[in-house]
């Protein structure tokens, strides 16, 4: 049970890091804050 919990926690951590990387990539490629906000909102709708 403990190993499953650690695996789940690791999966959550990796997922959060990947989401953060994706957001940073969007921020770097967008020319305006509004454009970035729209693309990030689109991530939430997926």
PDB file of N, CA and C in Angstrom:
ATOM      1  N   UNK A   1       0.830  -1.196   0.000  1.00  0.00           N
ATOM      2  CA  UNK A   1       0.000   0.000   0.000  1.00  0.00           C
ATOM      3  C   UNK A   1       0.870   1.253   0.000  1.00  0.00           C
ATOM      4  N   UNK A   2       1.936   1.242   0.815  1.00  0.00           N
ATOM      5  CA  UNK A   2       2.820   2.390   0.906  1.00  0.00           C
ATOM      6  C   UNK A   2       3.503   2.672  -0.432  1.00  0.00           C
ATOM      7  N   UNK A   3       3.904   1.599  -1.126  1.00  0.00           N
ATOM      8  CA  UNK A   3       4.562   1.763  -2.421  1.00  0.00           C
ATOM      9  C   UNK A   3       3.604   2.355  -3.443  1.00  0.00           C
ATOM     10  N   UNK A   4       2.351   1.936  -3.423  1.00  0.00           N
ATOM     11  CA  UNK A   4       1.351   2.493  -4.335  1.00  0.00           C
ATOM     12  C   UNK A   4       1.148   3.973  -4.076  1.00  0.00           C
ATOM     13  N   UNK A   5       1.124   4.361  -2.827  1.00  0.00           N
ATOM     14  CA  UNK A   5       0.940   5.752  -2.473  1.00  0.00           C
ATOM     15  C   UNK A   5       2.125   6.579  -2.967  1.00  0.00           C
ATOM     16  N   UNK A   6       3.337   6.059  -2.793  1.00  0.00           N
ATOM     17  CA  UNK A   6       4.506   6.771  -3.271  1.00  0.00           C
ATOM     18  C   UNK A   6       4.501   6.907  -4.784  1.00  0.00           C
ATOM     19  N   UNK A   7       4.071   5.872  -5.471  1.00  0.00           N
ATOM     20  CA  UNK A   7       3.974   5.917  -6.923  1.00  0.00           C
ATOM     21  C   UNK A   7       2.934   6.953  -7.349  1.00  0.00           C
ATOM     22  N   UNK A   8       1.814   6.985  -6.666  1.00  0.00           N
ATOM     23  CA  UNK A   8       0.763   7.959  -6.970  1.00  0.00           C
ATOM     24  C   UNK A   8       1.253   9.378  -6.719  1.00  0.00           C
ATOM     25  N   UNK A   9       1.941   9.570  -5.611  1.00  0.00           N
ATOM     26  CA  UNK A   9       2.470  10.898  -5.298  1.00  0.00           C
ATOM     27  C   UNK A   9       3.485  11.337  -6.337  1.00  0.00           C
ATOM     28  N   UNK A  10       4.330  10.410  -6.774  1.00  0.00           N
ATOM     29  CA  UNK A  10       5.324  10.712  -7.796  1.00  0.00           C
ATOM     30  C   UNK A  10       4.639  11.075  -9.114  1.00  0.00           C
ATOM     31  N   UNK A  11       3.616  10.344  -9.468  1.00  0.00           N
ATOM     32  CA  UNK A  11       2.872  10.627 -10.693  1.00  0.00           C
ATOM     33  C   UNK A  11       2.240  12.012 -10.638  1.00  0.00           C
ATOM     34  N   UNK A  12       1.672  12.378  -9.506  1.00  0.00           N
ATOM     35  CA  UNK A  12       1.083  13.708  -9.342  1.00  0.00           C
ATOM     36  C   UNK A  12       2.157  14.777  -9.481  1.00  0.00           C
ATOM     37  N   UNK A  13       3.294  14.559  -8.855  1.00  0.00           N
ATOM     38  CA  UNK A  13       4.391  15.530  -8.912  1.00  0.00           C
ATOM     39  C   UNK A  13       4.880  15.725 -10.341  1.00  0.00           C
ATOM     40  N   UNK A  14       5.070  14.641 -11.052  1.00  0.00           N
ATOM     41  CA  UNK A  14       5.543  14.719 -12.443  1.00  0.00           C
ATOM     42  C   UNK A  14       4.505  15.418 -13.322  1.00  0.00           C
ATOM     43  N   UNK A  15       3.246  15.111 -13.102  1.00  0.00           N
ATOM     44  CA  UNK A  15       2.174  15.743 -13.873  1.00  0.00           C
ATOM     45  C   UNK A  15       2.148  17.251 -13.640  1.00  0.00           C
ATOM     46  N   UNK A  16       2.296  17.658 -12.385  1.00  0.00           N
ATOM     47  CA  UNK A  16       2.311  19.086 -12.059  1.00  0.00           C
ATOM     48  C   UNK A  16       3.515  19.774 -12.701  1.00  0.00           C
ATOM     49  N   UNK A  17       4.671  19.133 -12.663  1.00  0.00           N
ATOM     50  CA  UNK A  17       5.868  19.710 -13.285  1.00  0.00           C
ATOM     51  C   UNK A  17       5.680  19.856 -14.787  1.00  0.00           C
ATOM     52  N   UNK A  18       5.095  18.861 -15.420  1.00  0.00           N
ATOM     53  CA  UNK A  18       4.861  18.924 -16.864  1.00  0.00           C
ATOM     54  C   UNK A  18       3.877  20.033 -17.210  1.00  0.00           C
ATOM     55  N   UNK A  19       2.850  20.207 -16.386  1.00  0.00           N
ATOM     56  CA  UNK A  19       1.875  21.270 -16.615  1.00  0.00           C
ATOM     57  C   UNK A  19       2.556  22.631 -16.485  1.00  0.00           C
ATOM     58  N   UNK A  20       3.430  22.761 -15.502  1.00  0.00           N
ATOM     59  CA  UNK A  20       4.163  24.016 -15.313  1.00  0.00           C
ATOM     60  C   UNK A  20       5.061  24.292 -16.511  1.00  0.00           C
ATOM     61  N   UNK A  21       5.726  23.270 -17.008  1.00  0.00           N
ATOM     62  CA  UNK A  21       6.572  23.446 -18.206  1.00  0.00           C
ATOM     63  C   UNK A  21       5.738  23.882 -19.400  1.00  0.00           C
ATOM     64  N   UNK A  22       4.577  23.291 -19.543  1.00  0.00           N
ATOM     65  CA  UNK A  22       3.693  23.638 -20.654  1.00  0.00           C
ATOM     66  C   UNK A  22       3.257  25.102 -20.551  1.00  0.00           C
ATOM     67  N   UNK A  23       2.919  25.542 -19.330  1.00  0.00           N
ATOM     68  CA  UNK A  23       2.518  26.933 -19.119  1.00  0.00           C
ATOM     69  C   UNK A  23       3.678  27.880 -19.413  1.00  0.00           C
ATOM     70  N   UNK A  24       4.867  27.541 -18.954  1.00  0.00           N
ATOM     71  CA  UNK A  24       6.035  28.381 -19.236  1.00  0.00           C
ATOM     72  C   UNK A  24       6.303  28.474 -20.737  1.00  0.00           C
ATOM     73  N   UNK A  25       6.128  27.376 -21.433  1.00  0.00           N
ATOM     74  CA  UNK A  25       6.317  27.377 -22.884  1.00  0.00           C
ATOM     75  C   UNK A  25       5.307  28.307 -23.553  1.00  0.00           C
ATOM     76  N   UNK A  26       4.063  28.252 -23.104  1.00  0.00           N
ATOM     77  CA  UNK A  26       3.023  29.137 -23.641  1.00  0.00           C
ATOM     78  C   UNK A  26       3.394  30.594 -23.383  1.00  0.00           C
ATOM     79  N   UNK A  27       3.819  30.899 -22.147  1.00  0.00           N
ATOM     80  CA  UNK A  27       4.184  32.276 -21.809  1.00  0.00           C
ATOM     81  C   UNK A  27       5.323  32.778 -22.680  1.00  0.00           C
ATOM     82  N   UNK A  28       6.277  31.912 -22.982  1.00  0.00           N
ATOM     83  CA  UNK A  28       7.419  32.314 -23.811  1.00  0.00           C
ATOM     84  C   UNK A  28       7.046  32.523 -25.269  1.00  0.00           C
ATOM     85  N   UNK A  29       6.053  31.794 -25.760  1.00  0.00           N
ATOM     86  CA  UNK A  29       5.726  31.895 -27.188  1.00  0.00           C
ATOM     87  C   UNK A  29       4.673  32.957 -27.489  1.00  0.00           C
ATOM     88  N   UNK A  30       3.945  33.404 -26.494  1.00  0.00           N
ATOM     89  CA  UNK A  30       2.882  34.380 -26.725  1.00  0.00           C
ATOM     90  C   UNK A  30       3.432  35.805 -26.699  1.00  0.00           C
ATOM     91  N   UNK A  31       2.823  36.643 -27.522  1.00  0.00           N
ATOM     92  CA  UNK A  31       3.259  38.037 -27.590  1.00  0.00           C
ATOM     93  C   UNK A  31       2.564  38.907 -26.551  1.00  0.00           C
ATOM     94  N   UNK A  32       1.368  38.517 -26.126  1.00  0.00           N
ATOM     95  CA  UNK A  32       0.646  39.325 -25.142  1.00  0.00           C
ATOM     96  C   UNK A  32       0.182  38.443 -23.981  1.00  0.00           C
ATOM     97  N   UNK A  33      -0.068  39.091 -22.876  1.00  0.00           N
ATOM     98  CA  UNK A  33      -0.577  38.386 -21.710  1.00  0.00           C
ATOM     99  C   UNK A  33      -1.946  37.795 -21.999  1.00  0.00           C
ATOM    100  N   UNK A  34      -2.767  38.527 -22.718  1.00  0.00           N
ATOM    101  CA  UNK A  34      -4.113  38.037 -23.047  1.00  0.00           C
ATOM    102  C   UNK A  34      -4.061  36.758 -23.885  1.00  0.00           C
ATOM    103  N   UNK A  35      -3.168  36.726 -24.850  1.00  0.00           N
ATOM    104  CA  UNK A  35      -2.990  35.535 -25.685  1.00  0.00           C
ATOM    105  C   UNK A  35      -2.572  34.351 -24.809  1.00  0.00           C
ATOM    106  N   UNK A  36      -1.642  34.591 -23.893  1.00  0.00           N
ATOM    107  CA  UNK A  36      -1.183  33.532 -22.995  1.00  0.00           C
ATOM    108  C   UNK A  36      -2.322  33.048 -22.104  1.00  0.00           C
ATOM    109  N   UNK A  37      -3.098  33.981 -21.581  1.00  0.00           N
ATOM    110  CA  UNK A  37      -4.227  33.602 -20.714  1.00  0.00           C
ATOM    111  C   UNK A  37      -5.209  32.711 -21.463  1.00  0.00           C
ATOM    112  N   UNK A  38      -5.502  33.053 -22.701  1.00  0.00           N
ATOM    113  CA  UNK A  38      -6.450  32.262 -23.487  1.00  0.00           C
ATOM    114  C   UNK A  38      -5.921  30.847 -23.732  1.00  0.00           C
ATOM    115  N   UNK A  39      -4.649  30.731 -24.045  1.00  0.00           N
ATOM    116  CA  UNK A  39      -4.072  29.409 -24.294  1.00  0.00           C
ATOM    117  C   UNK A  39      -4.032  28.573 -23.020  1.00  0.00           C
ATOM    118  N   UNK A  40      -3.745  29.213 -21.897  1.00  0.00           N
ATOM    119  CA  UNK A  40      -3.713  28.483 -20.624  1.00  0.00           C
ATOM    120  C   UNK A  40      -5.121  28.050 -20.231  1.00  0.00           C
ATOM    121  N   UNK A  41      -6.103  28.917 -20.462  1.00  0.00           N
ATOM    122  CA  UNK A  41      -7.504  28.538 -20.187  1.00  0.00           C
ATOM    123  C   UNK A  41      -7.909  27.357 -21.046  1.00  0.00           C
ATOM    124  N   UNK A  42      -7.429  27.318 -22.279  1.00  0.00           N
ATOM    125  CA  UNK A  42      -7.736  26.198 -23.174  1.00  0.00           C
ATOM    126  C   UNK A  42      -7.189  24.889 -22.619  1.00  0.00           C
ATOM    127  N   UNK A  43      -6.056  24.934 -21.909  1.00  0.00           N
ATOM    128  CA  UNK A  43      -5.517  23.731 -21.291  1.00  0.00           C
ATOM    129  C   UNK A  43      -6.483  23.161 -20.263  1.00  0.00           C
ATOM    130  N   UNK A  44      -7.156  24.046 -19.549  1.00  0.00           N
ATOM    131  CA  UNK A  44      -8.076  23.608 -18.507  1.00  0.00           C
ATOM    132  C   UNK A  44      -9.324  22.940 -19.087  1.00  0.00           C
ATOM    133  N   UNK A  45      -9.664  23.278 -20.315  1.00  0.00           N
ATOM    134  CA  UNK A  45     -10.864  22.741 -20.946  1.00  0.00           C
ATOM    135  C   UNK A  45     -10.640  21.370 -21.568  1.00  0.00           C
ATOM    136  N   UNK A  46      -9.363  20.948 -21.675  1.00  0.00           N
ATOM    137  CA  UNK A  46      -9.047  19.654 -22.305  1.00  0.00           C
ATOM    138  C   UNK A  46      -9.440  18.518 -21.397  1.00  0.00           C
TER     139      UNK A  46
END
